[in-house]
Amino acid sequence: MVSKKKFYVVAFIGLICLKASLFAREVVDECVATVNGVRFLRSDTKELRIDNDGKPFSIDVIIDEELMIQKAQEYGVTVSAAEIDNQVEAFKRDNGLGGANDKTCDEWLKKLSLNKRRLDRQFYRAGITARLKGSVLTDRGTVEAAVLKKYYKDNPEYEEESYELLSAFLSDDDAERLVKDKKGVGFDWIDLGKIEKKQLASTMLFVAKMPENSISKPFKNGNAGQQVIKMIKKHPRRLKSFDERKLMMEKELYKTEREKKYKEYMKLLRKEASIIKL
């Protein structure tokens, strides 16, 4: 005969085992990293980010963002509630939700596995990191002439061959008149603007061989009827000059330099931080 005491002990152990079995089957939102003691969960790596074209951040990007947030707090850099509200309202307008009530917005966010609190948090973090980057990388600097000239030489840029064209759709009378005078006087010409050679449709490749101030033979253009092209001016392929590209080259080199400084800054923050990836 089993004593009540023994029965209760066995039942208690069985209950523990059952709970352990159920717990083992649960999906646990586990910690995947800590940054100076701040925990990040696996769900953080799956959250859709509005500042990343609706894609989640990798854990390394999340770590860098948190390092920036912590450094911003240290410097007293912040973003006001009004600024966040303005960003949220702009986001709603951009997604066709301007003037929508809270219930409609909440339902829309729910489809993205987001809510108002998470959305506010994303705008806060994006605003803080952008502001800190601006304060850390404020030096506009100048690009040395020798660096610009080398960049120009090593990275040639061409303006492709192009044509200034007019087009006209012909009536039967127009076509007959064109055979006689070859000038297209009185045609209802449409200005096609400047078109690069690579933009020509397969039915218009003949344009490349036309001399300036000439009119093509009539050709069939689908259901639109007969069409002719008038070559106004030809622009051969040419190397863009240094002066034409100077401003854009300066911007490109400055952008590259900023990215380099940012990587160096993040490398320093990571070196000083306590980061544990689990």
C-alpha atoms as a PDB file:
ATOM      1  CA  MET A   1       0.000   0.000   0.000  1.00  0.00           C
ATOM      2  CA  VAL A   2       1.403   3.426  -1.031  1.00  0.00           C
ATOM      3  CA  SER A   3       1.481   5.974   1.761  1.00  0.00           C
ATOM      4  CA  LYS A   4      -0.105   9.387   1.234  1.00  0.00           C
ATOM      5  CA  LYS A   5       3.273  11.027   1.845  1.00  0.00           C
ATOM      6  CA  LYS A   6       4.955   8.980  -0.859  1.00  0.00           C
ATOM      7  CA  PHE A   7       2.062   9.619  -3.236  1.00  0.00           C
ATOM      8  CA  TYR A   8       2.293  13.379  -2.763  1.00  0.00           C
ATOM      9  CA  VAL A   9       6.064  13.330  -3.361  1.00  0.00           C
ATOM     10  CA  VAL A  10       5.647  11.359  -6.601  1.00  0.00           C
ATOM     11  CA  ALA A  11       2.813  13.641  -7.745  1.00  0.00           C
ATOM     12  CA  PHE A  12       4.888  16.759  -6.975  1.00  0.00           C
ATOM     13  CA  ILE A  13       7.869  15.434  -8.964  1.00  0.00           C
ATOM     14  CA  GLY A  14       5.533  14.551 -11.846  1.00  0.00           C
ATOM     15  CA  LEU A  15       4.113  18.088 -11.829  1.00  0.00           C
ATOM     16  CA  ILE A  16       7.629  19.551 -11.957  1.00  0.00           C
ATOM     17  CA  CYS A  17       8.526  17.309 -14.893  1.00  0.00           C
ATOM     18  CA  LEU A  18       5.318  18.299 -16.699  1.00  0.00           C
ATOM     19  CA  LYS A  19       6.053  22.003 -16.228  1.00  0.00           C
ATOM     20  CA  ALA A  20       9.629  21.481 -17.373  1.00  0.00           C
ATOM     21  CA  SER A  21       8.366  19.699 -20.480  1.00  0.00           C
ATOM     22  CA  LEU A  22       5.916  22.470 -21.276  1.00  0.00           C
ATOM     23  CA  PHE A  23       8.537  25.162 -20.640  1.00  0.00           C
ATOM     24  CA  ALA A  24      10.956  23.416 -22.995  1.00  0.00           C
ATOM     25  CA  ARG A  25       8.381  23.648 -25.771  1.00  0.00           C
ATOM     26  CA  GLU A  26       7.785  27.384 -25.285  1.00  0.00           C
ATOM     27  CA  VAL A  27       9.370  29.872 -27.680  1.00  0.00           C
ATOM     28  CA  VAL A  28      11.636  31.899 -25.440  1.00  0.00           C
ATOM     29  CA  ASP A  29      12.684  35.462 -26.479  1.00  0.00           C
ATOM     30  CA  GLU A  30      16.282  34.892 -25.535  1.00  0.00           C
ATOM     31  CA  CYS A  31      18.993  37.453 -24.960  1.00  0.00           C
ATOM     32  CA  VAL A  32      21.396  37.620 -27.898  1.00  0.00           C
ATOM     33  CA  ALA A  33      23.702  40.433 -26.768  1.00  0.00           C
ATOM     34  CA  THR A  34      24.432  42.965 -24.044  1.00  0.00           C
ATOM     35  CA  VAL A  35      25.984  46.404 -24.510  1.00  0.00           C
ATOM     36  CA  ASN A  36      27.361  47.838 -21.272  1.00  0.00           C
ATOM     37  CA  GLY A  37      24.715  45.836 -19.442  1.00  0.00           C
ATOM     38  CA  VAL A  38      21.802  46.730 -21.743  1.00  0.00           C
ATOM     39  CA  ARG A  39      20.156  43.508 -22.962  1.00  0.00           C
ATOM     40  CA  PHE A  40      18.969  42.885 -26.519  1.00  0.00           C
ATOM     41  CA  LEU A  41      16.609  40.049 -27.370  1.00  0.00           C
ATOM     42  CA  ARG A  42      16.233  37.946 -30.478  1.00  0.00           C
ATOM     43  CA  SER A  43      12.980  39.777 -31.221  1.00  0.00           C
ATOM     44  CA  ASP A  44      15.010  43.001 -31.519  1.00  0.00           C
ATOM     45  CA  THR A  45      16.813  41.487 -34.504  1.00  0.00           C
ATOM     46  CA  LYS A  46      13.469  40.729 -36.181  1.00  0.00           C
ATOM     47  CA  GLU A  47      11.786  44.092 -35.628  1.00  0.00           C
ATOM     48  CA  LEU A  48      11.120  45.908 -38.906  1.00  0.00           C
ATOM     49  CA  ARG A  49      12.932  49.240 -38.936  1.00  0.00           C
ATOM     50  CA  ILE A  50      11.438  52.258 -40.675  1.00  0.00           C
ATOM     51  CA  ASP A  51      14.933  53.773 -40.981  1.00  0.00           C
ATOM     52  CA  ASN A  52      16.167  50.700 -42.849  1.00  0.00           C
ATOM     53  CA  ASP A  53      13.578  50.431 -45.644  1.00  0.00           C
ATOM     54  CA  GLY A  54      11.367  48.249 -43.468  1.00  0.00           C
ATOM     55  CA  LYS A  55      14.069  45.639 -42.906  1.00  0.00           C
ATOM     56  CA  PRO A  56      15.405  44.476 -39.518  1.00  0.00           C
ATOM     57  CA  PHE A  57      18.787  45.594 -38.208  1.00  0.00           C
ATOM     58  CA  SER A  58      21.514  42.997 -37.797  1.00  0.00           C
ATOM     59  CA  ILE A  59      22.771  42.526 -34.257  1.00  0.00           C
ATOM     60  CA  ASP A  60      25.987  44.393 -35.124  1.00  0.00           C
ATOM     61  CA  VAL A  61      24.017  47.422 -36.328  1.00  0.00           C
ATOM     62  CA  ILE A  62      21.875  47.257 -33.176  1.00  0.00           C
ATOM     63  CA  ILE A  63      25.051  47.230 -31.066  1.00  0.00           C
ATOM     64  CA  ASP A  64      26.454  50.257 -32.909  1.00  0.00           C
ATOM     65  CA  GLU A  65      23.155  52.085 -32.500  1.00  0.00           C
ATOM     66  CA  GLU A  66      23.108  51.399 -28.756  1.00  0.00           C
ATOM     67  CA  LEU A  67      26.691  52.603 -28.385  1.00  0.00           C
ATOM     68  CA  MET A  68      25.681  55.839 -30.115  1.00  0.00           C
ATOM     69  CA  ILE A  69      22.602  56.182 -27.882  1.00  0.00           C
ATOM     70  CA  GLN A  70      24.682  55.733 -24.738  1.00  0.00           C
ATOM     71  CA  LYS A  71      27.314  58.215 -25.927  1.00  0.00           C
ATOM     72  CA  ALA A  72      24.563  60.711 -26.794  1.00  0.00           C
ATOM     73  CA  GLN A  73      23.151  60.410 -23.278  1.00  0.00           C
ATOM     74  CA  GLU A  74      26.631  61.026 -21.911  1.00  0.00           C
ATOM     75  CA  TYR A  75      26.909  64.204 -24.018  1.00  0.00           C
ATOM     76  CA  GLY A  76      23.375  65.331 -23.205  1.00  0.00           C
ATOM     77  CA  VAL A  77      22.216  64.990 -26.820  1.00  0.00           C
ATOM     78  CA  THR A  78      18.473  64.384 -27.013  1.00  0.00           C
ATOM     79  CA  VAL A  79      15.395  64.554 -29.212  1.00  0.00           C
ATOM     80  CA  SER A  80      12.225  66.257 -27.991  1.00  0.00           C
ATOM     81  CA  ALA A  81       8.794  64.621 -27.842  1.00  0.00           C
ATOM     82  CA  ALA A  82       7.530  67.257 -30.307  1.00  0.00           C
ATOM     83  CA  GLU A  83      10.217  66.275 -32.843  1.00  0.00           C
ATOM     84  CA  ILE A  84       9.238  62.618 -32.516  1.00  0.00           C
ATOM     85  CA  ASP A  85       5.539  63.466 -32.961  1.00  0.00           C
ATOM     86  CA  ASN A  86       6.367  65.433 -36.114  1.00  0.00           C
ATOM     87  CA  GLN A  87       8.319  62.482 -37.507  1.00  0.00           C
ATOM     88  CA  VAL A  88       5.454  60.103 -36.725  1.00  0.00           C
ATOM     89  CA  GLU A  89       2.912  62.381 -38.419  1.00  0.00           C
ATOM     90  CA  ALA A  90       5.137  62.684 -41.499  1.00  0.00           C
ATOM     91  CA  PHE A  91       5.516  58.890 -41.550  1.00  0.00           C
ATOM     92  CA  LYS A  92       1.730  58.466 -41.387  1.00  0.00           C
ATOM     93  CA  ARG A  93       1.202  60.914 -44.273  1.00  0.00           C
ATOM     94  CA  ASP A  94       3.846  59.182 -46.387  1.00  0.00           C
ATOM     95  CA  ASN A  95       1.965  55.902 -45.916  1.00  0.00           C
ATOM     96  CA  GLY A  96      -1.510  57.234 -46.665  1.00  0.00           C
ATOM     97  CA  LEU A  97      -2.543  57.526 -43.018  1.00  0.00           C
ATOM     98  CA  GLY A  98      -2.676  61.299 -42.738  1.00  0.00           C
ATOM     99  CA  GLY A  99      -5.676  62.181 -40.576  1.00  0.00           C
ATOM    100  CA  ALA A 100      -6.413  58.536 -39.725  1.00  0.00           C
ATOM    101  CA  ASN A 101      -7.617  57.828 -36.196  1.00  0.00           C
ATOM    102  CA  ASP A 102      -5.523  55.963 -33.628  1.00  0.00           C
ATOM    103  CA  LYS A 103      -7.407  52.692 -34.116  1.00  0.00           C
ATOM    104  CA  THR A 104      -6.721  52.654 -37.871  1.00  0.00           C
ATOM    105  CA  CYS A 105      -3.043  53.483 -37.317  1.00  0.00           C
ATOM    106  CA  ASP A 106      -2.700  50.814 -34.632  1.00  0.00           C
ATOM    107  CA  GLU A 107      -4.208  48.182 -36.927  1.00  0.00           C
ATOM    108  CA  TRP A 108      -1.836  49.197 -39.737  1.00  0.00           C
ATOM    109  CA  LEU A 109       1.191  49.056 -37.428  1.00  0.00           C
ATOM    110  CA  LYS A 110       0.082  45.680 -36.125  1.00  0.00           C
ATOM    111  CA  LYS A 111       0.439  44.265 -39.640  1.00  0.00           C
ATOM    112  CA  LEU A 112       4.109  45.261 -39.431  1.00  0.00           C
ATOM    113  CA  SER A 113       4.424  43.699 -35.956  1.00  0.00           C
ATOM    114  CA  LEU A 114       4.825  47.228 -34.570  1.00  0.00           C
ATOM    115  CA  ASN A 115       2.893  49.504 -32.223  1.00  0.00           C
ATOM    116  CA  LYS A 116       2.928  53.212 -31.396  1.00  0.00           C
ATOM    117  CA  ARG A 117       5.417  52.775 -28.553  1.00  0.00           C
ATOM    118  CA  ARG A 118       7.891  50.902 -30.735  1.00  0.00           C
ATOM    119  CA  LEU A 119       7.435  53.416 -33.555  1.00  0.00           C
ATOM    120  CA  ASP A 120       8.174  56.317 -31.202  1.00  0.00           C
ATOM    121  CA  ARG A 121      11.211  54.449 -29.894  1.00  0.00           C
ATOM    122  CA  GLN A 122      12.547  53.911 -33.420  1.00  0.00           C
ATOM    123  CA  PHE A 123      12.199  57.602 -34.289  1.00  0.00           C
ATOM    124  CA  TYR A 124      13.829  58.546 -30.995  1.00  0.00           C
ATOM    125  CA  ARG A 125      16.815  56.274 -31.573  1.00  0.00           C
ATOM    126  CA  ALA A 126      17.169  57.294 -35.241  1.00  0.00           C
ATOM    127  CA  GLY A 127      17.014  60.974 -34.283  1.00  0.00           C
ATOM    128  CA  ILE A 128      19.565  60.612 -31.495  1.00  0.00           C
ATOM    129  CA  THR A 129      22.099  58.733 -33.625  1.00  0.00           C
ATOM    130  CA  ALA A 130      21.711  61.199 -36.526  1.00  0.00           C
ATOM    131  CA  ARG A 131      22.222  64.134 -34.172  1.00  0.00           C
ATOM    132  CA  LEU A 132      25.298  62.578 -32.572  1.00  0.00           C
ATOM    133  CA  LYS A 133      26.793  61.796 -35.984  1.00  0.00           C
ATOM    134  CA  GLY A 134      26.244  65.413 -36.920  1.00  0.00           C
ATOM    135  CA  SER A 135      28.067  66.645 -33.816  1.00  0.00           C
ATOM    136  CA  VAL A 136      30.918  64.145 -34.071  1.00  0.00           C
ATOM    137  CA  LEU A 137      31.459  64.574 -37.821  1.00  0.00           C
ATOM    138  CA  THR A 138      30.968  68.320 -38.093  1.00  0.00           C
ATOM    139  CA  ASP A 139      34.266  69.164 -39.778  1.00  0.00           C
ATOM    140  CA  ARG A 140      33.397  69.905 -43.424  1.00  0.00           C
ATOM    141  CA  GLY A 141      37.073  70.104 -44.236  1.00  0.00           C
ATOM    142  CA  THR A 142      38.549  70.628 -47.665  1.00  0.00           C
ATOM    143  CA  VAL A 143      39.795  68.213 -50.265  1.00  0.00           C
ATOM    144  CA  GLU A 144      43.333  68.877 -51.433  1.00  0.00           C
ATOM    145  CA  ALA A 145      43.778  69.764 -55.093  1.00  0.00           C
ATOM    146  CA  ALA A 146      46.214  66.893 -55.623  1.00  0.00           C
ATOM    147  CA  VAL A 147      43.675  64.403 -54.210  1.00  0.00           C
ATOM    148  CA  LEU A 148      40.959  65.783 -56.482  1.00  0.00           C
ATOM    149  CA  LYS A 149      43.161  65.576 -59.566  1.00  0.00           C
ATOM    150  CA  LYS A 150      44.163  62.008 -58.800  1.00  0.00           C
ATOM    151  CA  TYR A 151      40.529  61.028 -58.253  1.00  0.00           C
ATOM    152  CA  TYR A 152      39.610  62.669 -61.577  1.00  0.00           C
ATOM    153  CA  LYS A 153      42.367  60.785 -63.394  1.00  0.00           C
ATOM    154  CA  ASP A 154      41.605  57.420 -61.772  1.00  0.00           C
ATOM    155  CA  ASN A 155      37.827  57.670 -62.167  1.00  0.00           C
ATOM    156  CA  PRO A 156      37.038  59.041 -65.643  1.00  0.00           C
ATOM    157  CA  GLU A 157      33.419  59.886 -66.359  1.00  0.00           C
ATOM    158  CA  TYR A 158      31.956  60.289 -69.828  1.00  0.00           C
ATOM    159  CA  GLU A 159      28.958  62.009 -71.312  1.00  0.00           C
ATOM    160  CA  GLU A 160      27.533  59.440 -73.686  1.00  0.00           C
ATOM    161  CA  GLU A 161      26.740  60.116 -77.333  1.00  0.00           C
ATOM    162  CA  SER A 162      23.382  61.857 -77.596  1.00  0.00           C
ATOM    163  CA  TYR A 163      21.081  63.596 -80.044  1.00  0.00           C
ATOM    164  CA  GLU A 164      18.673  66.532 -80.035  1.00  0.00           C
ATOM    165  CA  LEU A 165      15.634  65.251 -81.911  1.00  0.00           C
ATOM    166  CA  LEU A 166      12.229  66.278 -83.208  1.00  0.00           C
ATOM    167  CA  SER A 167       9.490  63.844 -84.153  1.00  0.00           C
ATOM    168  CA  ALA A 168       6.318  64.091 -86.211  1.00  0.00           C
ATOM    169  CA  PHE A 169       3.480  61.702 -87.002  1.00  0.00           C
ATOM    170  CA  LEU A 170       2.425  61.934 -90.630  1.00  0.00           C
ATOM    171  CA  SER A 171      -0.911  62.130 -92.329  1.00  0.00           C
ATOM    172  CA  ASP A 172      -1.142  60.776 -95.864  1.00  0.00           C
ATOM    173  CA  ASP A 173      -0.778  64.357 -97.175  1.00  0.00           C
ATOM    174  CA  ASP A 174       2.312  64.930 -95.002  1.00  0.00           C
ATOM    175  CA  ALA A 175       3.960  61.763 -96.293  1.00  0.00           C
ATOM    176  CA  GLU A 176       3.286  62.763 -99.877  1.00  0.00           C
ATOM    177  CA  ARG A 177       4.614  66.281 -99.274  1.00  0.00           C
ATOM    178  CA  LEU A 178       7.787  64.928 -97.630  1.00  0.00           C
ATOM    179  CA  VAL A 179       8.586  62.943-100.771  1.00  0.00           C
ATOM    180  CA  LYS A 180       8.536  66.189-102.746  1.00  0.00           C
ATOM    181  CA  ASP A 181      10.326  68.781-100.587  1.00  0.00           C
ATOM    182  CA  LYS A 182      12.284  66.690 -97.997  1.00  0.00           C
ATOM    183  CA  LYS A 183      12.068  69.592 -95.511  1.00  0.00           C
ATOM    184  CA  GLY A 184       9.023  68.800 -93.403  1.00  0.00           C
ATOM    185  CA  VAL A 185       7.858  72.416 -93.428  1.00  0.00           C
ATOM    186  CA  GLY A 186       4.570  72.818 -91.583  1.00  0.00           C
ATOM    187  CA  PHE A 187       4.773  69.455 -89.816  1.00  0.00           C
ATOM    188  CA  ASP A 188       3.518  69.268 -86.251  1.00  0.00           C
ATOM    189  CA  TRP A 189       6.952  68.628 -84.751  1.00  0.00           C
ATOM    190  CA  ILE A 190       7.308  67.302 -81.191  1.00  0.00           C
ATOM    191  CA  ASP A 191      10.520  68.108 -79.303  1.00  0.00           C
ATOM    192  CA  LEU A 192      11.991  64.843 -77.957  1.00  0.00           C
ATOM    193  CA  GLY A 193      14.767  66.690 -76.141  1.00  0.00           C
ATOM    194  CA  LYS A 194      18.227  65.221 -75.721  1.00  0.00           C
ATOM    195  CA  ILE A 195      18.331  61.435 -76.032  1.00  0.00           C
ATOM    196  CA  GLU A 196      21.368  59.246 -75.393  1.00  0.00           C
ATOM    197  CA  LYS A 197      22.281  56.591 -77.931  1.00  0.00           C
ATOM    198  CA  LYS A 198      21.687  53.811 -75.393  1.00  0.00           C
ATOM    199  CA  GLN A 199      18.112  55.085 -74.885  1.00  0.00           C
ATOM    200  CA  LEU A 200      17.104  54.596 -78.513  1.00  0.00           C
ATOM    201  CA  ALA A 201      14.472  51.964 -79.149  1.00  0.00           C
ATOM    202  CA  SER A 202      15.457  49.103 -81.446  1.00  0.00           C
ATOM    203  CA  THR A 203      13.263  50.595 -84.193  1.00  0.00           C
ATOM    204  CA  MET A 204      15.169  53.906 -84.021  1.00  0.00           C
ATOM    205  CA  LEU A 205      18.813  52.781 -84.092  1.00  0.00           C
ATOM    206  CA  PHE A 206      19.105  54.337 -87.536  1.00  0.00           C
ATOM    207  CA  VAL A 207      19.085  57.748 -85.820  1.00  0.00           C
ATOM    208  CA  ALA A 208      22.762  57.317 -84.881  1.00  0.00           C
ATOM    209  CA  LYS A 209      23.725  57.454 -88.571  1.00  0.00           C
ATOM    210  CA  MET A 210      21.652  60.526 -89.447  1.00  0.00           C
ATOM    211  CA  PRO A 211      23.522  63.770 -90.231  1.00  0.00           C
ATOM    212  CA  GLU A 212      22.505  66.993 -88.515  1.00  0.00           C
ATOM    213  CA  ASN A 213      19.486  68.892 -89.949  1.00  0.00           C
ATOM    214  CA  SER A 214      18.269  65.798 -91.804  1.00  0.00           C
ATOM    215  CA  ILE A 215      14.860  64.093 -91.738  1.00  0.00           C
ATOM    216  CA  SER A 216      14.496  60.328 -91.705  1.00  0.00           C
ATOM    217  CA  LYS A 217      12.413  58.297 -94.071  1.00  0.00           C
ATOM    218  CA  PRO A 218       8.895  57.624 -92.750  1.00  0.00           C
ATOM    219  CA  PHE A 219       8.680  54.492 -90.642  1.00  0.00           C
ATOM    220  CA  LYS A 220       5.818  52.582 -89.060  1.00  0.00           C
ATOM    221  CA  ASN A 221       5.348  53.110 -85.337  1.00  0.00           C
ATOM    222  CA  GLY A 222       2.756  50.536 -84.256  1.00  0.00           C
ATOM    223  CA  ASN A 223      -0.818  51.804 -84.351  1.00  0.00           C
ATOM    224  CA  ALA A 224       0.377  55.431 -84.280  1.00  0.00           C
ATOM    225  CA  GLY A 225       0.942  55.359 -88.023  1.00  0.00           C
ATOM    226  CA  GLN A 226       3.908  56.740 -89.924  1.00  0.00           C
ATOM    227  CA  GLN A 227       6.543  58.744 -88.086  1.00  0.00           C
ATOM    228  CA  VAL A 228       9.642  60.727 -89.024  1.00  0.00           C
ATOM    229  CA  ILE A 229      12.612  61.941 -86.985  1.00  0.00           C
ATOM    230  CA  LYS A 230      14.522  65.177 -87.504  1.00  0.00           C
ATOM    231  CA  MET A 231      18.126  65.344 -86.300  1.00  0.00           C
ATOM    232  CA  ILE A 232      18.793  68.820 -84.867  1.00  0.00           C
ATOM    233  CA  LYS A 233      22.221  68.283 -83.309  1.00  0.00           C
ATOM    234  CA  LYS A 234      24.576  65.379 -82.532  1.00  0.00           C
ATOM    235  CA  HIS A 235      26.705  65.264 -79.385  1.00  0.00           C
ATOM    236  CA  PRO A 236      29.593  62.746 -79.577  1.00  0.00           C
ATOM    237  CA  ARG A 237      30.750  60.801 -76.556  1.00  0.00           C
ATOM    238  CA  ARG A 238      33.229  62.886 -74.566  1.00  0.00           C
ATOM    239  CA  LEU A 239      35.240  62.887 -71.367  1.00  0.00           C
ATOM    240  CA  LYS A 240      33.736  65.261 -68.794  1.00  0.00           C
ATOM    241  CA  SER A 241      36.088  68.073 -67.801  1.00  0.00           C
ATOM    242  CA  PHE A 242      37.627  68.498 -64.362  1.00  0.00           C
ATOM    243  CA  ASP A 243      35.656  71.704 -63.733  1.00  0.00           C
ATOM    244  CA  GLU A 244      32.365  69.989 -64.637  1.00  0.00           C
ATOM    245  CA  ARG A 245      32.958  67.298 -62.039  1.00  0.00           C
ATOM    246  CA  LYS A 246      34.781  69.236 -59.337  1.00  0.00           C
ATOM    247  CA  LEU A 247      31.800  69.856 -57.041  1.00  0.00           C
ATOM    248  CA  MET A 248      30.514  66.274 -57.258  1.00  0.00           C
ATOM    249  CA  MET A 249      34.008  64.861 -56.717  1.00  0.00           C
ATOM    250  CA  GLU A 250      34.426  66.998 -53.601  1.00  0.00           C
ATOM    251  CA  LYS A 251      31.095  65.715 -52.269  1.00  0.00           C
ATOM    252  CA  GLU A 252      32.008  62.106 -53.033  1.00  0.00           C
ATOM    253  CA  LEU A 253      35.436  62.342 -51.416  1.00  0.00           C
ATOM    254  CA  TYR A 254      33.996  64.174 -48.414  1.00  0.00           C
ATOM    255  CA  LYS A 255      31.343  61.464 -48.025  1.00  0.00           C
ATOM    256  CA  THR A 256      34.030  58.771 -48.180  1.00  0.00           C
ATOM    257  CA  GLU A 257      36.073  60.610 -45.560  1.00  0.00           C
ATOM    258  CA  ARG A 258      33.042  60.940 -43.263  1.00  0.00           C
ATOM    259  CA  GLU A 259      32.316  57.223 -43.569  1.00  0.00           C
ATOM    260  CA  LYS A 260      35.937  56.476 -42.723  1.00  0.00           C
ATOM    261  CA  LYS A 261      35.810  58.744 -39.650  1.00  0.00           C
ATOM    262  CA  TYR A 262      32.534  57.178 -38.545  1.00  0.00           C
ATOM    263  CA  LYS A 263      33.985  53.663 -38.752  1.00  0.00           C
ATOM    264  CA  GLU A 264      37.009  54.784 -36.749  1.00  0.00           C
ATOM    265  CA  TYR A 265      34.723  56.407 -34.151  1.00  0.00           C
ATOM    266  CA  MET A 266      32.600  53.259 -33.822  1.00  0.00           C
ATOM    267  CA  LYS A 267      35.731  51.140 -33.534  1.00  0.00           C
ATOM    268  CA  LEU A 268      36.812  53.314 -30.586  1.00  0.00           C
ATOM    269  CA  LEU A 269      33.383  53.073 -28.917  1.00  0.00           C
ATOM    270  CA  ARG A 270      33.405  49.285 -29.282  1.00  0.00           C
ATOM    271  CA  LYS A 271      36.898  49.110 -27.797  1.00  0.00           C
ATOM    272  CA  GLU A 272      35.797  51.085 -24.727  1.00  0.00           C
ATOM    273  CA  ALA A 273      32.505  49.202 -24.271  1.00  0.00           C
ATOM    274  CA  SER A 274      31.579  45.906 -22.664  1.00  0.00           C
ATOM    275  CA  ILE A 275      29.905  43.934 -25.431  1.00  0.00           C
ATOM    276  CA  ILE A 276      28.799  40.335 -25.041  1.00  0.00           C
ATOM    277  CA  LYS A 277      27.267  38.460 -27.982  1.00  0.00           C
ATOM    278  CA  LEU A 278      25.537  35.260 -26.872  1.00  0.00           C
END
